[in-house]
Amino acid sequence: MIEKIKEKEGLKVYVEIRPDSERSIAAFASYGFVPTKSKRYPKDNHFPQVLKMELS
């Protein structure tokens, strides 16, 4: 699936994960995702802060 996404021009795919989840960050980075920014969701009790990673 990652290969098909990379073939598409102009298609952006991203994930939002917990910034303290080193294993998740490493797993997504191994597929080509790079961290782009940190976002806050103050009303969300489960994910008040996330790291946005985009497929490059």
N, C-alpha and C. Protein backbone atom coordinates (compact mmCIF):
# COMPACT_ATOMS: atom_id res chain seq x y z
N MET A 1 0.82 -1.18 0.00
CA MET A 1 0.00 0.00 0.00
C MET A 1 0.87 1.26 0.00
N ILE A 2 1.94 1.24 0.77
CA ILE A 2 2.85 2.39 0.84
C ILE A 2 3.42 2.68 -0.54
N GLU A 3 3.81 1.65 -1.26
CA GLU A 3 4.37 1.83 -2.60
C GLU A 3 3.35 2.49 -3.54
N LYS A 4 2.10 2.08 -3.48
CA LYS A 4 1.05 2.66 -4.32
C LYS A 4 0.83 4.12 -3.98
N ILE A 5 0.87 4.45 -2.70
CA ILE A 5 0.68 5.84 -2.27
C ILE A 5 1.82 6.70 -2.78
N LYS A 6 3.04 6.20 -2.69
CA LYS A 6 4.20 6.98 -3.14
C LYS A 6 4.18 7.24 -4.64
N GLU A 7 3.52 6.36 -5.41
CA GLU A 7 3.43 6.54 -6.86
C GLU A 7 2.47 7.68 -7.24
N LYS A 8 1.54 8.01 -6.38
CA LYS A 8 0.55 9.05 -6.68
C LYS A 8 1.15 10.43 -6.48
N GLU A 9 1.02 11.27 -7.48
CA GLU A 9 1.52 12.65 -7.40
C GLU A 9 0.52 13.51 -6.62
N GLY A 10 1.01 14.29 -5.69
CA GLY A 10 0.17 15.24 -4.97
C GLY A 10 -0.67 14.65 -3.85
N LEU A 11 -0.59 13.35 -3.65
CA LEU A 11 -1.37 12.70 -2.59
C LEU A 11 -0.60 12.80 -1.28
N LYS A 12 -1.28 13.30 -0.24
CA LYS A 12 -0.64 13.42 1.07
C LYS A 12 -1.31 12.47 2.04
N VAL A 13 -0.50 11.73 2.76
CA VAL A 13 -0.99 10.80 3.76
C VAL A 13 -0.27 11.13 5.06
N TYR A 14 -1.04 11.19 6.13
CA TYR A 14 -0.41 11.46 7.41
C TYR A 14 -1.08 10.65 8.51
N VAL A 15 -0.35 10.51 9.62
CA VAL A 15 -0.86 9.86 10.81
C VAL A 15 -0.62 10.78 11.99
N GLU A 16 -1.43 10.65 13.00
CA GLU A 16 -1.23 11.38 14.24
C GLU A 16 -1.07 10.35 15.36
N ILE A 17 0.06 10.43 16.04
CA ILE A 17 0.35 9.48 17.10
C ILE A 17 0.82 10.23 18.34
N ARG A 18 0.85 9.53 19.45
CA ARG A 18 1.33 10.14 20.69
C ARG A 18 2.82 10.46 20.55
N PRO A 19 3.23 11.64 20.98
CA PRO A 19 4.64 12.03 20.83
C PRO A 19 5.59 11.22 21.71
N ASP A 20 5.08 10.56 22.74
CA ASP A 20 5.93 9.78 23.62
C ASP A 20 6.00 8.30 23.21
N SER A 21 5.39 7.94 22.11
CA SER A 21 5.37 6.56 21.64
C SER A 21 6.53 6.33 20.67
N GLU A 22 7.69 6.07 21.23
CA GLU A 22 8.91 5.91 20.43
C GLU A 22 8.81 4.75 19.45
N ARG A 23 8.17 3.68 19.84
CA ARG A 23 8.04 2.52 18.96
C ARG A 23 7.16 2.84 17.75
N SER A 24 6.08 3.57 17.99
CA SER A 24 5.21 3.96 16.87
C SER A 24 5.93 4.89 15.92
N ILE A 25 6.65 5.84 16.47
CA ILE A 25 7.40 6.80 15.65
C ILE A 25 8.42 6.05 14.79
N ALA A 26 9.14 5.11 15.40
CA ALA A 26 10.15 4.34 14.67
C ALA A 26 9.50 3.47 13.59
N ALA A 27 8.36 2.88 13.92
CA ALA A 27 7.68 2.02 12.93
C ALA A 27 7.24 2.82 11.72
N PHE A 28 6.59 3.96 11.94
CA PHE A 28 6.14 4.78 10.82
C PHE A 28 7.32 5.38 10.05
N ALA A 29 8.38 5.74 10.76
CA ALA A 29 9.57 6.28 10.10
C ALA A 29 10.20 5.24 9.17
N SER A 30 10.12 3.97 9.55
CA SER A 30 10.69 2.93 8.72
C SER A 30 9.94 2.78 7.40
N TYR A 31 8.70 3.25 7.34
CA TYR A 31 7.91 3.21 6.10
C TYR A 31 8.00 4.52 5.31
N GLY A 32 8.77 5.49 5.82
CA GLY A 32 8.98 6.73 5.09
C GLY A 32 8.23 7.94 5.64
N PHE A 33 7.55 7.79 6.76
CA PHE A 33 6.86 8.93 7.37
C PHE A 33 7.89 9.79 8.10
N VAL A 34 7.70 11.10 8.02
CA VAL A 34 8.58 12.03 8.73
C VAL A 34 7.74 12.93 9.62
N PRO A 35 8.25 13.26 10.81
CA PRO A 35 7.50 14.16 11.70
C PRO A 35 7.39 15.55 11.08
N THR A 36 6.20 16.14 11.13
CA THR A 36 6.03 17.47 10.56
C THR A 36 5.68 18.51 11.60
N LYS A 37 4.83 18.16 12.56
CA LYS A 37 4.51 19.12 13.61
C LYS A 37 3.80 18.44 14.76
N SER A 38 3.69 19.17 15.84
CA SER A 38 2.98 18.71 17.02
C SER A 38 1.67 19.49 17.10
N LYS A 39 0.58 18.79 17.44
CA LYS A 39 -0.72 19.43 17.53
C LYS A 39 -1.32 19.14 18.89
N ARG A 40 -2.16 20.07 19.37
CA ARG A 40 -2.84 19.91 20.65
C ARG A 40 -4.34 19.80 20.42
N TYR A 41 -4.95 18.88 21.15
CA TYR A 41 -6.40 18.73 21.18
C TYR A 41 -6.82 18.77 22.65
N PRO A 42 -6.96 19.97 23.23
CA PRO A 42 -7.21 20.08 24.67
C PRO A 42 -8.48 19.38 25.15
N LYS A 43 -9.48 19.22 24.30
CA LYS A 43 -10.73 18.59 24.72
C LYS A 43 -10.70 17.07 24.61
N ASP A 44 -9.66 16.51 24.00
CA ASP A 44 -9.55 15.06 23.83
C ASP A 44 -8.78 14.47 25.00
N ASN A 45 -9.44 13.65 25.80
CA ASN A 45 -8.79 13.07 26.98
C ASN A 45 -7.79 11.99 26.63
N HIS A 46 -7.96 11.31 25.51
CA HIS A 46 -7.06 10.22 25.14
C HIS A 46 -5.83 10.70 24.37
N PHE A 47 -6.00 11.71 23.54
CA PHE A 47 -4.88 12.25 22.75
C PHE A 47 -4.85 13.77 22.86
N PRO A 48 -4.46 14.31 24.03
CA PRO A 48 -4.42 15.77 24.17
C PRO A 48 -3.34 16.43 23.33
N GLN A 49 -2.28 15.67 23.02
CA GLN A 49 -1.21 16.16 22.15
C GLN A 49 -0.80 15.03 21.23
N VAL A 50 -0.58 15.33 19.95
CA VAL A 50 -0.19 14.32 18.99
C VAL A 50 0.99 14.82 18.15
N LEU A 51 1.70 13.88 17.59
CA LEU A 51 2.76 14.18 16.64
C LEU A 51 2.22 13.82 15.27
N LYS A 52 2.21 14.77 14.35
CA LYS A 52 1.75 14.53 13.00
C LYS A 52 2.94 14.09 12.16
N MET A 53 2.81 12.93 11.50
CA MET A 53 3.85 12.41 10.63
C MET A 53 3.27 12.26 9.23
N GLU A 54 4.02 12.74 8.24
CA GLU A 54 3.54 12.72 6.85
C GLU A 54 4.43 11.80 6.02
N LEU A 55 3.80 11.11 5.09
CA LEU A 55 4.56 10.22 4.19
C LEU A 55 5.24 11.07 3.14
N SER A 56 6.56 10.90 3.05
CA SER A 56 7.32 11.71 2.07
C SER A 56 7.78 10.87 0.92
